Amino acid sequence: MSIADRLAELGLTLPQVVAPVAAYVPAVRHGDVVHTAGQLPMVDGALALTGKVGDSPGSVTPEQAKDAARTCALNALAAVADQIGDLEKVERVVKVTGFVASEPSFTGQPGVINGASELLGEIFGDAGRHARSAVGVAVLPLDAPVEVEIVVAVR
């Protein structure tokens, strides 16, 4: 099954590449590897949600953040596709790095970043299995609750 067919089966379409919010580019290809910049959970040019992840009233729930990480990964794939033209050229997802804006007592960063990891597995199967870091941070750009960057090997 093609990646386009897999995306359709999952009810997903690649969004437009998110415009950078500072002095960088969304992705860079060097040889057979594409590195994305950190991708925020942007939908139609705006953050889907803001705030820190935790259990306090008014905070972003871990479930909401996991869904946001999924959005980040989809945005990262859009940046990759913009560099290589077609996601069929992705040979393997090599590394995912996820950052979670966390309340001080929140320790569920791996579960949040599973949103990105699981999406990549759903799309690429075994080629979507990757090394990963999930890091809690005090704050992210634009008060985003999560940010994800990926590295992929391409043909």
C-alpha atoms as a PDB file:
ATOM      1  CA  MET A   1       0.000   0.000   0.000  1.00  0.00           C
ATOM      2  CA  SER A   2       1.358   3.424  -0.898  1.00  0.00           C
ATOM      3  CA  ILE A   3       1.949   6.099   1.719  1.00  0.00           C
ATOM      4  CA  ALA A   4      -0.737   8.246   0.057  1.00  0.00           C
ATOM      5  CA  ASP A   5      -3.191   5.344   0.331  1.00  0.00           C
ATOM      6  CA  ARG A   6      -2.187   4.771   3.947  1.00  0.00           C
ATOM      7  CA  LEU A   7      -2.751   8.440   4.788  1.00  0.00           C
ATOM      8  CA  ALA A   8      -6.170   8.310   3.112  1.00  0.00           C
ATOM      9  CA  GLU A   9      -7.050   5.123   4.989  1.00  0.00           C
ATOM     10  CA  LEU A  10      -6.185   6.937   8.241  1.00  0.00           C
ATOM     11  CA  GLY A  11      -8.304   9.913   7.185  1.00  0.00           C
ATOM     12  CA  LEU A  12      -5.261  12.182   7.003  1.00  0.00           C
ATOM     13  CA  THR A  13      -3.960  14.656   4.466  1.00  0.00           C
ATOM     14  CA  LEU A  14      -0.631  16.395   4.602  1.00  0.00           C
ATOM     15  CA  PRO A  15      -1.092  20.013   5.599  1.00  0.00           C
ATOM     16  CA  GLN A  16       0.697  22.943   4.018  1.00  0.00           C
ATOM     17  CA  VAL A  17       4.222  23.351   5.372  1.00  0.00           C
ATOM     18  CA  VAL A  18       4.070  25.525   8.463  1.00  0.00           C
ATOM     19  CA  ALA A  19       5.841  28.839   7.950  1.00  0.00           C
ATOM     20  CA  PRO A  20       8.819  29.331  10.270  1.00  0.00           C
ATOM     21  CA  VAL A  21       8.240  31.554  13.304  1.00  0.00           C
ATOM     22  CA  ALA A  22      11.894  32.716  13.349  1.00  0.00           C
ATOM     23  CA  ALA A  23      15.122  32.557  11.293  1.00  0.00           C
ATOM     24  CA  TYR A  24      15.233  28.933  10.095  1.00  0.00           C
ATOM     25  CA  VAL A  25      13.784  26.657   7.426  1.00  0.00           C
ATOM     26  CA  PRO A  26      11.201  23.896   8.044  1.00  0.00           C
ATOM     27  CA  ALA A  27      13.514  21.082   6.869  1.00  0.00           C
ATOM     28  CA  VAL A  28      16.944  20.481   5.402  1.00  0.00           C
ATOM     29  CA  ARG A  29      18.046  17.585   3.231  1.00  0.00           C
ATOM     30  CA  HIS A  30      21.693  16.584   3.413  1.00  0.00           C
ATOM     31  CA  GLY A  31      22.499  13.592   1.275  1.00  0.00           C
ATOM     32  CA  ASP A  32      20.100  10.794   2.108  1.00  0.00           C
ATOM     33  CA  VAL A  33      18.857  12.333   5.360  1.00  0.00           C
ATOM     34  CA  VAL A  34      16.195  14.968   6.039  1.00  0.00           C
ATOM     35  CA  HIS A  35      16.135  16.820   9.365  1.00  0.00           C
ATOM     36  CA  THR A  36      13.060  18.833  10.245  1.00  0.00           C
ATOM     37  CA  ALA A  37      12.954  21.870  12.438  1.00  0.00           C
ATOM     38  CA  GLY A  38      10.841  21.544  15.544  1.00  0.00           C
ATOM     39  CA  GLN A  39       7.209  21.466  14.474  1.00  0.00           C
ATOM     40  CA  LEU A  40       4.446  22.909  16.627  1.00  0.00           C
ATOM     41  CA  PRO A  41       0.818  21.700  16.658  1.00  0.00           C
ATOM     42  CA  MET A  42      -0.253  24.238  14.043  1.00  0.00           C
ATOM     43  CA  VAL A  43      -3.536  23.742  12.218  1.00  0.00           C
ATOM     44  CA  ASP A  44      -4.449  26.165   9.437  1.00  0.00           C
ATOM     45  CA  GLY A  45      -1.735  28.591  10.534  1.00  0.00           C
ATOM     46  CA  ALA A  46      -2.650  28.750  14.220  1.00  0.00           C
ATOM     47  CA  LEU A  47      -1.733  26.748  17.308  1.00  0.00           C
ATOM     48  CA  ALA A  48      -4.346  24.106  18.041  1.00  0.00           C
ATOM     49  CA  LEU A  49      -3.892  24.711  21.789  1.00  0.00           C
ATOM     50  CA  THR A  50      -1.539  26.437  24.206  1.00  0.00           C
ATOM     51  CA  GLY A  51      -0.300  25.964  27.742  1.00  0.00           C
ATOM     52  CA  LYS A  52       1.604  23.543  29.899  1.00  0.00           C
ATOM     53  CA  VAL A  53       0.834  19.844  30.178  1.00  0.00           C
ATOM     54  CA  GLY A  54      -0.212  18.508  33.558  1.00  0.00           C
ATOM     55  CA  ASP A  55      -3.037  17.783  35.942  1.00  0.00           C
ATOM     56  CA  SER A  56      -3.818  21.280  37.235  1.00  0.00           C
ATOM     57  CA  PRO A  57      -7.160  22.873  36.390  1.00  0.00           C
ATOM     58  CA  GLY A  58      -6.842  24.700  33.078  1.00  0.00           C
ATOM     59  CA  SER A  59      -3.712  22.852  31.999  1.00  0.00           C
ATOM     60  CA  VAL A  60      -3.403  20.874  28.776  1.00  0.00           C
ATOM     61  CA  THR A  61      -4.269  17.251  29.526  1.00  0.00           C
ATOM     62  CA  PRO A  62      -1.841  14.483  28.588  1.00  0.00           C
ATOM     63  CA  GLU A  63      -4.434  13.178  26.101  1.00  0.00           C
ATOM     64  CA  GLN A  64      -4.758  16.591  24.427  1.00  0.00           C
ATOM     65  CA  ALA A  65      -0.965  16.883  24.290  1.00  0.00           C
ATOM     66  CA  LYS A  66      -0.644  13.400  22.770  1.00  0.00           C
ATOM     67  CA  ASP A  67      -3.058  14.438  20.028  1.00  0.00           C
ATOM     68  CA  ALA A  68      -1.045  17.658  19.550  1.00  0.00           C
ATOM     69  CA  ALA A  69       2.147  15.577  19.168  1.00  0.00           C
ATOM     70  CA  ARG A  70       0.386  13.677  16.404  1.00  0.00           C
ATOM     71  CA  THR A  71      -0.350  16.999  14.675  1.00  0.00           C
ATOM     72  CA  CYS A  72       3.305  17.995  15.077  1.00  0.00           C
ATOM     73  CA  ALA A  73       4.427  14.764  13.405  1.00  0.00           C
ATOM     74  CA  LEU A  74       2.037  15.331  10.504  1.00  0.00           C
ATOM     75  CA  ASN A  75       3.461  18.850  10.107  1.00  0.00           C
ATOM     76  CA  ALA A  76       6.967  17.374  10.154  1.00  0.00           C
ATOM     77  CA  LEU A  77       6.008  14.955   7.380  1.00  0.00           C
ATOM     78  CA  ALA A  78       4.716  17.881   5.327  1.00  0.00           C
ATOM     79  CA  ALA A  79       8.127  19.533   5.710  1.00  0.00           C
ATOM     80  CA  VAL A  80       9.855  16.294   4.661  1.00  0.00           C
ATOM     81  CA  ALA A  81       7.586  15.910   1.626  1.00  0.00           C
ATOM     82  CA  ASP A  82       8.371  19.488   0.632  1.00  0.00           C
ATOM     83  CA  GLN A  83      12.076  18.568   0.526  1.00  0.00           C
ATOM     84  CA  ILE A  84      11.815  15.233  -1.286  1.00  0.00           C
ATOM     85  CA  GLY A  85       8.620  15.589  -3.315  1.00  0.00           C
ATOM     86  CA  ASP A  86       7.003  12.307  -2.306  1.00  0.00           C
ATOM     87  CA  LEU A  87       6.830  10.454   1.024  1.00  0.00           C
ATOM     88  CA  GLU A  88       7.297   7.195  -0.917  1.00  0.00           C
ATOM     89  CA  LYS A  89      10.989   8.134  -0.891  1.00  0.00           C
ATOM     90  CA  VAL A  90      11.154   7.810   2.919  1.00  0.00           C
ATOM     91  CA  GLU A  91      13.194   4.725   3.643  1.00  0.00           C
ATOM     92  CA  ARG A  92      13.073   4.940   7.444  1.00  0.00           C
ATOM     93  CA  VAL A  93      12.176   7.255  10.279  1.00  0.00           C
ATOM     94  CA  VAL A  94      15.486   7.405  12.141  1.00  0.00           C
ATOM     95  CA  LYS A  95      14.879   9.674  15.135  1.00  0.00           C
ATOM     96  CA  VAL A  96      12.087  11.607  16.822  1.00  0.00           C
ATOM     97  CA  THR A  97      12.764  14.282  19.400  1.00  0.00           C
ATOM     98  CA  GLY A  98       9.806  15.593  21.347  1.00  0.00           C
ATOM     99  CA  PHE A  99       9.593  18.475  23.770  1.00  0.00           C
ATOM    100  CA  VAL A 100       6.711  18.823  26.223  1.00  0.00           C
ATOM    101  CA  ALA A 101       6.030  22.099  28.049  1.00  0.00           C
ATOM    102  CA  SER A 102       5.397  20.530  31.429  1.00  0.00           C
ATOM    103  CA  GLU A 103       4.089  21.563  34.796  1.00  0.00           C
ATOM    104  CA  PRO A 104       6.799  20.849  37.401  1.00  0.00           C
ATOM    105  CA  SER A 105       5.170  17.635  38.664  1.00  0.00           C
ATOM    106  CA  PHE A 106       4.341  16.191  35.223  1.00  0.00           C
ATOM    107  CA  THR A 107       6.473  13.174  34.273  1.00  0.00           C
ATOM    108  CA  GLY A 108       4.448  11.669  31.426  1.00  0.00           C
ATOM    109  CA  GLN A 109       6.459  13.107  28.534  1.00  0.00           C
ATOM    110  CA  PRO A 110       7.021   9.692  26.886  1.00  0.00           C
ATOM    111  CA  GLY A 111       3.268   9.069  26.741  1.00  0.00           C
ATOM    112  CA  VAL A 112       2.691  12.462  25.145  1.00  0.00           C
ATOM    113  CA  ILE A 113       5.323  11.940  22.458  1.00  0.00           C
ATOM    114  CA  ASN A 114       3.803   8.525  21.742  1.00  0.00           C
ATOM    115  CA  GLY A 115       1.283  10.531  19.718  1.00  0.00           C
ATOM    116  CA  ALA A 116       4.006  11.283  17.178  1.00  0.00           C
ATOM    117  CA  SER A 117       5.629   7.842  17.369  1.00  0.00           C
ATOM    118  CA  GLU A 118       2.376   5.967  16.949  1.00  0.00           C
ATOM    119  CA  LEU A 119       1.373   8.076  13.935  1.00  0.00           C
ATOM    120  CA  LEU A 120       4.697   7.405  12.222  1.00  0.00           C
ATOM    121  CA  GLY A 121       4.259   3.688  12.873  1.00  0.00           C
ATOM    122  CA  GLU A 122       0.718   3.760  11.483  1.00  0.00           C
ATOM    123  CA  ILE A 123       1.933   5.445   8.304  1.00  0.00           C
ATOM    124  CA  PHE A 124       5.262   3.705   7.660  1.00  0.00           C
ATOM    125  CA  GLY A 125       4.902   0.373   9.478  1.00  0.00           C
ATOM    126  CA  ASP A 126       8.254  -1.098  10.525  1.00  0.00           C
ATOM    127  CA  ALA A 127      10.069   1.712   8.688  1.00  0.00           C
ATOM    128  CA  GLY A 128       8.375   4.096  11.127  1.00  0.00           C
ATOM    129  CA  ARG A 129      10.060   2.537  14.174  1.00  0.00           C
ATOM    130  CA  HIS A 130      12.685   4.957  15.432  1.00  0.00           C
ATOM    131  CA  ALA A 131      15.002   6.063  18.192  1.00  0.00           C
ATOM    132  CA  ARG A 132      13.472   8.797  20.342  1.00  0.00           C
ATOM    133  CA  SER A 133      13.904  11.383  23.053  1.00  0.00           C
ATOM    134  CA  ALA A 134      10.990  12.848  25.034  1.00  0.00           C
ATOM    135  CA  VAL A 135      12.017  15.875  27.072  1.00  0.00           C
ATOM    136  CA  GLY A 136      10.104  18.028  29.535  1.00  0.00           C
ATOM    137  CA  VAL A 137      10.777  21.765  29.241  1.00  0.00           C
ATOM    138  CA  ALA A 138       9.604  24.898  31.035  1.00  0.00           C
ATOM    139  CA  VAL A 139       8.164  26.639  27.981  1.00  0.00           C
ATOM    140  CA  LEU A 140       7.997  26.284  24.191  1.00  0.00           C
ATOM    141  CA  PRO A 141       7.646  28.885  21.418  1.00  0.00           C
ATOM    142  CA  LEU A 142       4.263  30.633  21.271  1.00  0.00           C
ATOM    143  CA  ASP A 143       3.278  28.792  24.494  1.00  0.00           C
ATOM    144  CA  ALA A 144       2.849  25.537  22.550  1.00  0.00           C
ATOM    145  CA  PRO A 145       2.392  22.461  24.747  1.00  0.00           C
ATOM    146  CA  VAL A 146       4.490  20.198  22.504  1.00  0.00           C
ATOM    147  CA  GLU A 147       7.081  20.365  19.732  1.00  0.00           C
ATOM    148  CA  VAL A 148       8.373  17.486  17.593  1.00  0.00           C
ATOM    149  CA  GLU A 149      11.273  17.172  15.168  1.00  0.00           C
ATOM    150  CA  ILE A 150      12.118  14.146  13.061  1.00  0.00           C
ATOM    151  CA  VAL A 151      15.024  12.754  11.095  1.00  0.00           C
ATOM    152  CA  VAL A 152      14.309  10.467   8.146  1.00  0.00           C
ATOM    153  CA  ALA A 153      16.486   8.500   5.740  1.00  0.00           C
ATOM    154  CA  VAL A 154      15.388   8.833   2.122  1.00  0.00           C
ATOM    155  CA  ARG A 155      16.112   7.125  -1.186  1.00  0.00           C
END
